[in-house]
């Protein structure tokens, strides 16, 4: 949906992921969307160089989050919120609703 604005689909997915979950790391994003790790890493690096995202180490993992000092952050988040609302329900379920608690023991899949 926003790929024409951002330049490609991968950066759109990265931004939507970070918007939804507040943070993310390259392997997690690549696994969620079933895209190559190197493509996600390139986009994360590009967004970091542009000042949109910042990273911090958690253990040995580089976790990316929003740069609170980026001047257009609130506008970008508003755009991503609207884009997320226009995604089909099936895509929202598949990509942007992660299970946050464990499944009950013995419950069938």
PDB file of N, CA and C in Angstrom:
ATOM      1  N   UNK A   1       0.822  -1.187   0.000  1.00  0.00           N
ATOM      2  CA  UNK A   1       0.000   0.000   0.000  1.00  0.00           C
ATOM      3  C   UNK A   1       0.872   1.261   0.000  1.00  0.00           C
ATOM      4  N   UNK A   2       1.868   1.311   0.861  1.00  0.00           N
ATOM      5  CA  UNK A   2       2.740   2.480   0.947  1.00  0.00           C
ATOM      6  C   UNK A   2       4.077   2.272   0.243  1.00  0.00           C
ATOM      7  N   UNK A   3       4.210   1.165  -0.465  1.00  0.00           N
ATOM      8  CA  UNK A   3       5.500   0.849  -1.075  1.00  0.00           C
ATOM      9  C   UNK A   3       5.932   1.892  -2.101  1.00  0.00           C
ATOM     10  N   UNK A   4       4.998   2.495  -2.806  1.00  0.00           N
ATOM     11  CA  UNK A   4       5.357   3.543  -3.777  1.00  0.00           C
ATOM     12  C   UNK A   4       5.894   4.783  -3.062  1.00  0.00           C
ATOM     13  N   UNK A   5       5.357   5.075  -1.916  1.00  0.00           N
ATOM     14  CA  UNK A   5       5.807   6.228  -1.141  1.00  0.00           C
ATOM     15  C   UNK A   5       7.187   5.987  -0.526  1.00  0.00           C
ATOM     16  N   UNK A   6       7.406   4.788   0.020  1.00  0.00           N
ATOM     17  CA  UNK A   6       8.654   4.483   0.715  1.00  0.00           C
ATOM     18  C   UNK A   6       9.736   3.919  -0.194  1.00  0.00           C
ATOM     19  N   UNK A   7       9.378   3.507  -1.400  1.00  0.00           N
ATOM     20  CA  UNK A   7      10.380   3.008  -2.331  1.00  0.00           C
ATOM     21  C   UNK A   7      10.341   1.512  -2.556  1.00  0.00           C
ATOM     22  N   UNK A   8       9.953   0.742  -1.559  1.00  0.00           N
ATOM     23  CA  UNK A   8       9.802  -0.699  -1.748  1.00  0.00           C
ATOM     24  C   UNK A   8       8.952  -1.296  -0.641  1.00  0.00           C
ATOM     25  N   UNK A   9       8.578  -2.534  -0.835  1.00  0.00           N
ATOM     26  CA  UNK A   9       7.662  -3.207   0.090  1.00  0.00           C
ATOM     27  C   UNK A   9       8.333  -3.574   1.417  1.00  0.00           C
ATOM     28  N   UNK A  10       9.618  -3.864   1.367  1.00  0.00           N
ATOM     29  CA  UNK A  10      10.321  -4.273   2.584  1.00  0.00           C
ATOM     30  C   UNK A  10      10.346  -3.156   3.615  1.00  0.00           C
ATOM     31  N   UNK A  11      10.649  -1.945   3.189  1.00  0.00           N
ATOM     32  CA  UNK A  11      10.690  -0.832   4.148  1.00  0.00           C
ATOM     33  C   UNK A  11       9.297  -0.574   4.719  1.00  0.00           C
ATOM     34  N   UNK A  12       8.266  -0.753   3.904  1.00  0.00           N
ATOM     35  CA  UNK A  12       6.895  -0.606   4.406  1.00  0.00           C
ATOM     36  C   UNK A  12       6.615  -1.627   5.507  1.00  0.00           C
ATOM     37  N   UNK A  13       7.007  -2.854   5.279  1.00  0.00           N
ATOM     38  CA  UNK A  13       6.782  -3.910   6.274  1.00  0.00           C
ATOM     39  C   UNK A  13       7.590  -3.670   7.540  1.00  0.00           C
ATOM     40  N   UNK A  14       8.823  -3.217   7.385  1.00  0.00           N
ATOM     41  CA  UNK A  14       9.661  -2.925   8.556  1.00  0.00           C
ATOM     42  C   UNK A  14       9.016  -1.835   9.406  1.00  0.00           C
ATOM     43  N   UNK A  15       8.577  -0.766   8.762  1.00  0.00           N
ATOM     44  CA  UNK A  15       7.973   0.341   9.500  1.00  0.00           C
ATOM     45  C   UNK A  15       6.658  -0.078  10.164  1.00  0.00           C
ATOM     46  N   UNK A  16       5.837  -0.849   9.470  1.00  0.00           N
ATOM     47  CA  UNK A  16       4.585  -1.320  10.068  1.00  0.00           C
ATOM     48  C   UNK A  16       4.858  -2.234  11.259  1.00  0.00           C
ATOM     49  N   UNK A  17       5.888  -3.061  11.155  1.00  0.00           N
ATOM     50  CA  UNK A  17       6.248  -3.956  12.261  1.00  0.00           C
ATOM     51  C   UNK A  17       6.679  -3.147  13.478  1.00  0.00           C
ATOM     52  N   UNK A  18       7.567  -2.192  13.273  1.00  0.00           N
ATOM     53  CA  UNK A  18       8.047  -1.375  14.393  1.00  0.00           C
ATOM     54  C   UNK A  18       6.909  -0.540  14.962  1.00  0.00           C
ATOM     55  N   UNK A  19       6.021  -0.063  14.109  1.00  0.00           N
ATOM     56  CA  UNK A  19       4.867   0.701  14.597  1.00  0.00           C
ATOM     57  C   UNK A  19       3.976  -0.177  15.480  1.00  0.00           C
ATOM     58  N   UNK A  20       3.723  -1.385  15.039  1.00  0.00           N
ATOM     59  CA  UNK A  20       2.818  -2.277  15.768  1.00  0.00           C
ATOM     60  C   UNK A  20       3.408  -2.743  17.094  1.00  0.00           C
ATOM     61  N   UNK A  21       4.667  -3.160  17.085  1.00  0.00           N
ATOM     62  CA  UNK A  21       5.263  -3.765  18.274  1.00  0.00           C
ATOM     63  C   UNK A  21       6.174  -2.825  19.063  1.00  0.00           C
ATOM     64  N   UNK A  22       6.461  -1.648  18.531  1.00  0.00           N
ATOM     65  CA  UNK A  22       7.287  -0.692  19.251  1.00  0.00           C
ATOM     66  C   UNK A  22       8.776  -0.890  19.051  1.00  0.00           C
ATOM     67  N   UNK A  23       9.178  -2.092  18.702  1.00  0.00           N
ATOM     68  CA  UNK A  23      10.582  -2.405  18.463  1.00  0.00           C
ATOM     69  C   UNK A  23      10.656  -3.700  17.671  1.00  0.00           C
ATOM     70  N   UNK A  24      11.823  -3.992  17.161  1.00  0.00           N
ATOM     71  CA  UNK A  24      12.001  -5.246  16.439  1.00  0.00           C
ATOM     72  C   UNK A  24      13.443  -5.439  16.056  1.00  0.00           C
ATOM     73  N   UNK A  25      13.805  -6.677  15.778  1.00  0.00           N
ATOM     74  CA  UNK A  25      15.149  -6.969  15.296  1.00  0.00           C
ATOM     75  C   UNK A  25      15.032  -7.672  13.947  1.00  0.00           C
ATOM     76  N   UNK A  26      16.115  -7.657  13.207  1.00  0.00           N
ATOM     77  CA  UNK A  26      16.096  -8.049  11.800  1.00  0.00           C
ATOM     78  C   UNK A  26      15.553  -9.461  11.588  1.00  0.00           C
ATOM     79  N   UNK A  27      16.036 -10.435  12.336  1.00  0.00           N
ATOM     80  CA  UNK A  27      15.603 -11.819  12.120  1.00  0.00           C
ATOM     81  C   UNK A  27      14.115 -11.995  12.411  1.00  0.00           C
ATOM     82  N   UNK A  28      13.630 -11.350  13.445  1.00  0.00           N
ATOM     83  CA  UNK A  28      12.215 -11.432  13.804  1.00  0.00           C
ATOM     84  C   UNK A  28      11.339 -10.866  12.680  1.00  0.00           C
ATOM     85  N   UNK A  29      11.736  -9.734  12.128  1.00  0.00           N
ATOM     86  CA  UNK A  29      10.973  -9.108  11.047  1.00  0.00           C
ATOM     87  C   UNK A  29      11.022  -9.976   9.796  1.00  0.00           C
ATOM     88  N   UNK A  30      12.201 -10.493   9.464  1.00  0.00           N
ATOM     89  CA  UNK A  30      12.349 -11.352   8.286  1.00  0.00           C
ATOM     90  C   UNK A  30      11.506 -12.617   8.419  1.00  0.00           C
ATOM     91  N   UNK A  31      11.496 -13.225   9.597  1.00  0.00           N
ATOM     92  CA  UNK A  31      10.700 -14.434   9.813  1.00  0.00           C
ATOM     93  C   UNK A  31       9.205 -14.151   9.744  1.00  0.00           C
ATOM     94  N   UNK A  32       8.779 -13.018  10.266  1.00  0.00           N
ATOM     95  CA  UNK A  32       7.360 -12.673  10.263  1.00  0.00           C
ATOM     96  C   UNK A  32       6.818 -12.554   8.850  1.00  0.00           C
ATOM     97  N   UNK A  33       7.565 -11.905   7.972  1.00  0.00           N
ATOM     98  CA  UNK A  33       7.089 -11.667   6.612  1.00  0.00           C
ATOM     99  C   UNK A  33       7.649 -12.641   5.588  1.00  0.00           C
ATOM    100  N   UNK A  34       8.475 -13.587   6.037  1.00  0.00           N
ATOM    101  CA  UNK A  34       9.081 -14.578   5.158  1.00  0.00           C
ATOM    102  C   UNK A  34       9.858 -13.900   4.017  1.00  0.00           C
ATOM    103  N   UNK A  35      10.715 -12.948   4.381  1.00  0.00           N
ATOM    104  CA  UNK A  35      11.570 -12.264   3.419  1.00  0.00           C
ATOM    105  C   UNK A  35      13.018 -12.449   3.858  1.00  0.00           C
ATOM    106  N   UNK A  36      13.946 -12.134   2.974  1.00  0.00           N
ATOM    107  CA  UNK A  36      15.353 -12.391   3.277  1.00  0.00           C
ATOM    108  C   UNK A  36      15.867 -11.472   4.389  1.00  0.00           C
ATOM    109  N   UNK A  37      16.740 -12.020   5.185  1.00  0.00           N
ATOM    110  CA  UNK A  37      17.330 -11.277   6.295  1.00  0.00           C
ATOM    111  C   UNK A  37      18.146 -10.097   5.788  1.00  0.00           C
ATOM    112  N   UNK A  38      18.882 -10.291   4.714  1.00  0.00           N
ATOM    113  CA  UNK A  38      19.726  -9.203   4.199  1.00  0.00           C
ATOM    114  C   UNK A  38      18.889  -8.019   3.724  1.00  0.00           C
ATOM    115  N   UNK A  39      17.725  -8.277   3.144  1.00  0.00           N
ATOM    116  CA  UNK A  39      16.857  -7.177   2.696  1.00  0.00           C
ATOM    117  C   UNK A  39      16.356  -6.370   3.897  1.00  0.00           C
ATOM    118  N   UNK A  40      15.991  -7.065   4.965  1.00  0.00           N
ATOM    119  CA  UNK A  40      15.525  -6.382   6.170  1.00  0.00           C
ATOM    120  C   UNK A  40      16.665  -5.593   6.803  1.00  0.00           C
ATOM    121  N   UNK A  41      17.841  -6.180   6.860  1.00  0.00           N
ATOM    122  CA  UNK A  41      18.993  -5.492   7.437  1.00  0.00           C
ATOM    123  C   UNK A  41      19.334  -4.223   6.651  1.00  0.00           C
ATOM    124  N   UNK A  42      19.257  -4.291   5.320  1.00  0.00           N
ATOM    125  CA  UNK A  42      19.521  -3.105   4.493  1.00  0.00           C
ATOM    126  C   UNK A  42      18.536  -1.988   4.813  1.00  0.00           C
ATOM    127  N   UNK A  43      17.259  -2.343   4.949  1.00  0.00           N
ATOM    128  CA  UNK A  43      16.247  -1.322   5.215  1.00  0.00           C
ATOM    129  C   UNK A  43      16.395  -0.752   6.626  1.00  0.00           C
ATOM    130  N   UNK A  44      16.699  -1.588   7.595  1.00  0.00           N
ATOM    131  CA  UNK A  44      16.917  -1.101   8.954  1.00  0.00           C
ATOM    132  C   UNK A  44      18.106  -0.140   8.987  1.00  0.00           C
ATOM    133  N   UNK A  45      19.170  -0.487   8.272  1.00  0.00           N
ATOM    134  CA  UNK A  45      20.346   0.379   8.202  1.00  0.00           C
ATOM    135  C   UNK A  45      19.985   1.707   7.541  1.00  0.00           C
ATOM    136  N   UNK A  46      19.225   1.638   6.464  1.00  0.00           N
ATOM    137  CA  UNK A  46      18.805   2.854   5.757  1.00  0.00           C
ATOM    138  C   UNK A  46      17.962   3.757   6.653  1.00  0.00           C
ATOM    139  N   UNK A  47      17.027   3.153   7.395  1.00  0.00           N
ATOM    140  CA  UNK A  47      16.176   3.933   8.292  1.00  0.00           C
ATOM    141  C   UNK A  47      16.969   4.509   9.459  1.00  0.00           C
ATOM    142  N   UNK A  48      17.991   3.796   9.883  1.00  0.00           N
ATOM    143  CA  UNK A  48      18.834   4.301  10.970  1.00  0.00           C
ATOM    144  C   UNK A  48      19.702   5.466  10.491  1.00  0.00           C
ATOM    145  N   UNK A  49      20.267   5.339   9.313  1.00  0.00           N
ATOM    146  CA  UNK A  49      21.076   6.428   8.754  1.00  0.00           C
ATOM    147  C   UNK A  49      20.206   7.666   8.541  1.00  0.00           C
ATOM    148  N   UNK A  50      18.942   7.475   8.167  1.00  0.00           N
ATOM    149  CA  UNK A  50      18.023   8.586   7.971  1.00  0.00           C
ATOM    150  C   UNK A  50      17.514   9.196   9.263  1.00  0.00           C
ATOM    151  N   UNK A  51      17.842   8.577  10.392  1.00  0.00           N
ATOM    152  CA  UNK A  51      17.449   9.126  11.683  1.00  0.00           C
ATOM    153  C   UNK A  51      16.069   8.731  12.151  1.00  0.00           C
ATOM    154  N   UNK A  52      15.390   7.852  11.429  1.00  0.00           N
ATOM    155  CA  UNK A  52      14.028   7.450  11.791  1.00  0.00           C
ATOM    156  C   UNK A  52      14.050   6.416  12.914  1.00  0.00           C
ATOM    157  N   UNK A  53      14.990   5.493  12.841  1.00  0.00           N
ATOM    158  CA  UNK A  53      15.123   4.449  13.857  1.00  0.00           C
ATOM    159  C   UNK A  53      16.466   4.573  14.560  1.00  0.00           C
ATOM    160  N   UNK A  54      16.529   4.073  15.764  1.00  0.00           N
ATOM    161  CA  UNK A  54      17.781   3.936  16.499  1.00  0.00           C
ATOM    162  C   UNK A  54      17.870   2.492  16.979  1.00  0.00           C
ATOM    163  N   UNK A  55      19.077   2.046  17.280  1.00  0.00           N
ATOM    164  CA  UNK A  55      19.209   0.675  17.772  1.00  0.00           C
ATOM    165  C   UNK A  55      19.913   0.665  19.108  1.00  0.00           C
ATOM    166  N   UNK A  56      19.677  -0.395  19.828  1.00  0.00           N
ATOM    167  CA  UNK A  56      20.388  -0.635  21.076  1.00  0.00           C
ATOM    168  C   UNK A  56      20.618  -2.133  21.188  1.00  0.00           C
ATOM    169  N   UNK A  57      21.663  -2.490  21.865  1.00  0.00           N
ATOM    170  CA  UNK A  57      21.965  -3.905  22.040  1.00  0.00           C
ATOM    171  C   UNK A  57      21.206  -4.455  23.232  1.00  0.00           C
ATOM    172  N   UNK A  58      20.549  -5.573  23.031  1.00  0.00           N
ATOM    173  CA  UNK A  58      19.944  -6.343  24.117  1.00  0.00           C
ATOM    174  C   UNK A  58      20.611  -7.703  24.050  1.00  0.00           C
ATOM    175  N   UNK A  59      21.585  -7.897  24.915  1.00  0.00           N
ATOM    176  CA  UNK A  59      22.423  -9.081  24.783  1.00  0.00           C
ATOM    177  C   UNK A  59      23.307  -8.898  23.565  1.00  0.00           C
ATOM    178  N   UNK A  60      23.192  -9.825  22.608  1.00  0.00           N
ATOM    179  CA  UNK A  60      23.945  -9.713  21.368  1.00  0.00           C
ATOM    180  C   UNK A  60      23.058  -9.318  20.194  1.00  0.00           C
ATOM    181  N   UNK A  61      21.838  -8.930  20.463  1.00  0.00           N
ATOM    182  CA  UNK A  61      20.872  -8.608  19.416  1.00  0.00           C
ATOM    183  C   UNK A  61      20.689  -7.103  19.303  1.00  0.00           C
ATOM    184  N   UNK A  62      20.760  -6.592  18.072  1.00  0.00           N
ATOM    185  CA  UNK A  62      20.483  -5.171  17.821  1.00  0.00           C
ATOM    186  C   UNK A  62      18.983  -5.002  17.655  1.00  0.00           C
ATOM    187  N   UNK A  63      18.370  -4.315  18.581  1.00  0.00           N
ATOM    188  CA  UNK A  63      16.922  -4.083  18.559  1.00  0.00           C
ATOM    189  C   UNK A  63      16.685  -2.640  18.114  1.00  0.00           C
ATOM    190  N   UNK A  64      15.815  -2.487  17.132  1.00  0.00           N
ATOM    191  CA  UNK A  64      15.524  -1.168  16.566  1.00  0.00           C
ATOM    192  C   UNK A  64      14.211  -0.642  17.119  1.00  0.00           C
ATOM    193  N   UNK A  65      14.201   0.654  17.385  1.00  0.00           N
ATOM    194  CA  UNK A  65      13.011   1.334  17.866  1.00  0.00           C
ATOM    195  C   UNK A  65      12.987   2.740  17.264  1.00  0.00           C
ATOM    196  N   UNK A  66      11.913   3.472  17.499  1.00  0.00           N
ATOM    197  CA  UNK A  66      11.776   4.818  16.954  1.00  0.00           C
ATOM    198  C   UNK A  66      12.791   5.762  17.573  1.00  0.00           C
ATOM    199  N   UNK A  67      13.246   6.702  16.778  1.00  0.00           N
ATOM    200  CA  UNK A  67      14.089   7.769  17.279  1.00  0.00           C
ATOM    201  C   UNK A  67      13.161   8.889  17.750  1.00  0.00           C
ATOM    202  N   UNK A  68      13.045   9.124  19.051  1.00  0.00           N
ATOM    203  CA  UNK A  68      12.102  10.126  19.544  1.00  0.00           C
ATOM    204  C   UNK A  68      12.460  11.557  19.121  1.00  0.00           C
ATOM    205  N   UNK A  69      13.663  11.762  18.631  1.00  0.00           N
ATOM    206  CA  UNK A  69      14.089  13.108  18.220  1.00  0.00           C
ATOM    207  C   UNK A  69      13.849  13.377  16.735  1.00  0.00           C
ATOM    208  N   UNK A  70      13.371  12.395  15.989  1.00  0.00           N
ATOM    209  CA  UNK A  70      13.119  12.613  14.569  1.00  0.00           C
ATOM    210  C   UNK A  70      11.929  13.554  14.433  1.00  0.00           C
ATOM    211  N   UNK A  71      12.055  14.657  13.687  1.00  0.00           N
ATOM    212  CA  UNK A  71      11.025  15.697  13.699  1.00  0.00           C
ATOM    213  C   UNK A  71       9.666  15.312  13.133  1.00  0.00           C
ATOM    214  N   UNK A  72       9.597  14.291  12.275  1.00  0.00           N
ATOM    215  CA  UNK A  72       8.328  13.926  11.651  1.00  0.00           C
ATOM    216  C   UNK A  72       7.764  12.615  12.195  1.00  0.00           C
ATOM    217  N   UNK A  73       8.180  12.236  13.382  1.00  0.00           N
ATOM    218  CA  UNK A  73       7.779  10.949  13.942  1.00  0.00           C
ATOM    219  C   UNK A  73       6.271  10.845  14.141  1.00  0.00           C
ATOM    220  N   UNK A  74       5.644  11.849  14.688  1.00  0.00           N
ATOM    221  CA  UNK A  74       4.202  11.771  14.939  1.00  0.00           C
ATOM    222  C   UNK A  74       3.426  11.679  13.625  1.00  0.00           C
ATOM    223  N   UNK A  75       3.877  12.381  12.603  1.00  0.00           N
ATOM    224  CA  UNK A  75       3.214  12.317  11.306  1.00  0.00           C
ATOM    225  C   UNK A  75       3.376  10.941  10.656  1.00  0.00           C
ATOM    226  N   UNK A  76       4.580  10.370  10.775  1.00  0.00           N
ATOM    227  CA  UNK A  76       4.826   9.037  10.223  1.00  0.00           C
ATOM    228  C   UNK A  76       3.972   7.993  10.934  1.00  0.00           C
ATOM    229  N   UNK A  77       3.902   8.081  12.254  1.00  0.00           N
ATOM    230  CA  UNK A  77       3.084   7.130  13.008  1.00  0.00           C
ATOM    231  C   UNK A  77       1.608   7.256  12.646  1.00  0.00           C
ATOM    232  N   UNK A  78       1.127   8.475  12.412  1.00  0.00           N
ATOM    233  CA  UNK A  78      -0.268   8.669  12.005  1.00  0.00           C
ATOM    234  C   UNK A  78      -0.521   8.038  10.638  1.00  0.00           C
ATOM    235  N   UNK A  79       0.419   8.177   9.722  1.00  0.00           N
ATOM    236  CA  UNK A  79       0.301   7.572   8.398  1.00  0.00           C
ATOM    237  C   UNK A  79       0.298   6.048   8.499  1.00  0.00           C
ATOM    238  N   UNK A  80       1.189   5.487   9.312  1.00  0.00           N
ATOM    239  CA  UNK A  80       1.251   4.035   9.476  1.00  0.00           C
ATOM    240  C   UNK A  80      -0.008   3.500  10.155  1.00  0.00           C
ATOM    241  N   UNK A  81      -0.552   4.246  11.099  1.00  0.00           N
ATOM    242  CA  UNK A  81      -1.787   3.838  11.764  1.00  0.00           C
ATOM    243  C   UNK A  81      -2.925   3.735  10.754  1.00  0.00           C
ATOM    244  N   UNK A  82      -3.016   4.703   9.883  1.00  0.00           N
ATOM    245  CA  UNK A  82      -4.064   4.708   8.869  1.00  0.00           C
ATOM    246  C   UNK A  82      -3.850   3.574   7.861  1.00  0.00           C
ATOM    247  N   UNK A  83      -2.612   3.357   7.461  1.00  0.00           N
ATOM    248  CA  UNK A  83      -2.303   2.275   6.523  1.00  0.00           C
ATOM    249  C   UNK A  83      -2.635   0.921   7.127  1.00  0.00           C
ATOM    250  N   UNK A  84      -2.337   0.743   8.400  1.00  0.00           N
ATOM    251  CA  UNK A  84      -2.630  -0.518   9.078  1.00  0.00           C
ATOM    252  C   UNK A  84      -4.134  -0.770   9.146  1.00  0.00           C
ATOM    253  N   UNK A  85      -4.902   0.289   9.323  1.00  0.00           N
ATOM    254  CA  UNK A  85      -6.363   0.153   9.376  1.00  0.00           C
ATOM    255  C   UNK A  85      -6.936  -0.269   8.027  1.00  0.00           C
ATOM    256  N   UNK A  86      -6.260   0.054   6.925  1.00  0.00           N
ATOM    257  CA  UNK A  86      -6.750  -0.286   5.595  1.00  0.00           C
ATOM    258  C   UNK A  86      -6.279  -1.654   5.103  1.00  0.00           C
ATOM    259  N   UNK A  87      -5.392  -2.303   5.846  1.00  0.00           N
ATOM    260  CA  UNK A  87      -4.974  -3.646   5.459  1.00  0.00           C
ATOM    261  C   UNK A  87      -6.127  -4.617   5.638  1.00  0.00           C
ATOM    262  N   UNK A  88      -6.213  -5.621   4.783  1.00  0.00           N
ATOM    263  CA  UNK A  88      -7.247  -6.640   4.975  1.00  0.00           C
ATOM    264  C   UNK A  88      -7.090  -7.334   6.331  1.00  0.00           C
ATOM    265  N   UNK A  89      -8.207  -7.730   6.905  1.00  0.00           N
ATOM    266  CA  UNK A  89      -8.209  -8.368   8.231  1.00  0.00           C
ATOM    267  C   UNK A  89      -7.300  -9.595   8.263  1.00  0.00           C
ATOM    268  N   UNK A  90      -7.255 -10.351   7.181  1.00  0.00           N
ATOM    269  CA  UNK A  90      -6.418 -11.560   7.143  1.00  0.00           C
ATOM    270  C   UNK A  90      -4.944 -11.204   7.285  1.00  0.00           C
ATOM    271  N   UNK A  91      -4.505 -10.123   6.647  1.00  0.00           N
ATOM    272  CA  UNK A  91      -3.109  -9.708   6.787  1.00  0.00           C
ATOM    273  C   UNK A  91      -2.824  -9.167   8.180  1.00  0.00           C
ATOM    274  N   UNK A  92      -3.767  -8.458   8.751  1.00  0.00           N
ATOM    275  CA  UNK A  92      -3.580  -7.958  10.113  1.00  0.00           C
ATOM    276  C   UNK A  92      -3.421  -9.124  11.078  1.00  0.00           C
ATOM    277  N   UNK A  93      -4.256 -10.135  10.931  1.00  0.00           N
ATOM    278  CA  UNK A  93      -4.170 -11.329  11.794  1.00  0.00           C
ATOM    279  C   UNK A  93      -2.839 -12.036  11.607  1.00  0.00           C
ATOM    280  N   UNK A  94      -2.432 -12.209  10.349  1.00  0.00           N
ATOM    281  CA  UNK A  94      -1.240 -12.985  10.041  1.00  0.00           C
ATOM    282  C   UNK A  94       0.045 -12.314  10.507  1.00  0.00           C
ATOM    283  N   UNK A  95       0.148 -11.002  10.312  1.00  0.00           N
ATOM    284  CA  UNK A  95       1.416 -10.328  10.563  1.00  0.00           C
ATOM    285  C   UNK A  95       1.473  -9.484  11.830  1.00  0.00           C
ATOM    286  N   UNK A  96       0.362  -8.948  12.254  1.00  0.00           N
ATOM    287  CA  UNK A  96       0.423  -7.910  13.268  1.00  0.00           C
ATOM    288  C   UNK A  96      -0.328  -8.227  14.558  1.00  0.00           C
ATOM    289  N   UNK A  97      -0.645  -9.485  14.781  1.00  0.00           N
ATOM    290  CA  UNK A  97      -1.264  -9.861  16.055  1.00  0.00           C
ATOM    291  C   UNK A  97      -0.520 -11.071  16.605  1.00  0.00           C
ATOM    292  N   UNK A  98       0.569 -10.771  17.263  1.00  0.00           N
ATOM    293  CA  UNK A  98       1.422 -11.809  17.825  1.00  0.00           C
ATOM    294  C   UNK A  98       0.848 -12.297  19.143  1.00  0.00           C
ATOM    295  N   UNK A  99       0.911 -13.588  19.365  1.00  0.00           N
ATOM    296  CA  UNK A  99       0.461 -14.165  20.627  1.00  0.00           C
ATOM    297  C   UNK A  99       1.428 -13.742  21.725  1.00  0.00           C
ATOM    298  N   UNK A 100       0.916 -13.156  22.804  1.00  0.00           N
ATOM    299  CA  UNK A 100       1.785 -12.634  23.854  1.00  0.00           C
ATOM    300  C   UNK A 100       1.833 -13.515  25.097  1.00  0.00           C
ATOM    301  N   UNK A 101       0.980 -14.486  25.179  1.00  0.00           N
ATOM    302  CA  UNK A 101       1.049 -15.394  26.322  1.00  0.00           C
ATOM    303  C   UNK A 101       1.053 -16.831  25.811  1.00  0.00           C
ATOM    304  N   UNK A 102       1.574 -17.744  26.585  1.00  0.00           N
ATOM    305  CA  UNK A 102       1.676 -19.127  26.106  1.00  0.00           C
ATOM    306  C   UNK A 102       0.318 -19.811  26.012  1.00  0.00           C
ATOM    307  N   UNK A 103       0.248 -20.773  25.117  1.00  0.00           N
ATOM    308  CA  UNK A 103      -0.960 -21.562  24.941  1.00  0.00           C
ATOM    309  C   UNK A 103      -1.146 -22.479  26.152  1.00  0.00           C
ATOM    310  N   UNK A 104      -2.384 -22.663  26.561  1.00  0.00           N
ATOM    311  CA  UNK A 104      -2.687 -23.525  27.700  1.00  0.00           C
ATOM    312  C   UNK A 104      -2.195 -24.949  27.420  1.00  0.00           C
ATOM    313  N   UNK A 105      -1.610 -25.586  28.394  1.00  0.00           N
ATOM    314  CA  UNK A 105      -1.123 -26.937  28.262  1.00  0.00           C
ATOM    315  C   UNK A 105      -2.249 -27.882  27.894  1.00  0.00           C
ATOM    316  N   UNK A 106      -2.000 -28.683  26.873  1.00  0.00           N
ATOM    317  CA  UNK A 106      -2.996 -29.663  26.461  1.00  0.00           C
ATOM    318  C   UNK A 106      -4.043 -29.139  25.487  1.00  0.00           C
ATOM    319  N   UNK A 107      -4.048 -27.852  25.228  1.00  0.00           N
ATOM    320  CA  UNK A 107      -5.025 -27.287  24.300  1.00  0.00           C
ATOM    321  C   UNK A 107      -4.651 -27.683  22.869  1.00  0.00           C
ATOM    322  N   UNK A 108      -5.601 -28.200  22.110  1.00  0.00           N
ATOM    323  CA  UNK A 108      -5.281 -28.615  20.744  1.00  0.00           C
ATOM    324  C   UNK A 108      -4.974 -27.408  19.859  1.00  0.00           C
ATOM    325  N   UNK A 109      -4.128 -27.645  18.865  1.00  0.00           N
ATOM    326  CA  UNK A 109      -3.771 -26.572  17.950  1.00  0.00           C
ATOM    327  C   UNK A 109      -4.870 -26.383  17.009  1.00  0.00           C
TER     328      UNK A 109
END
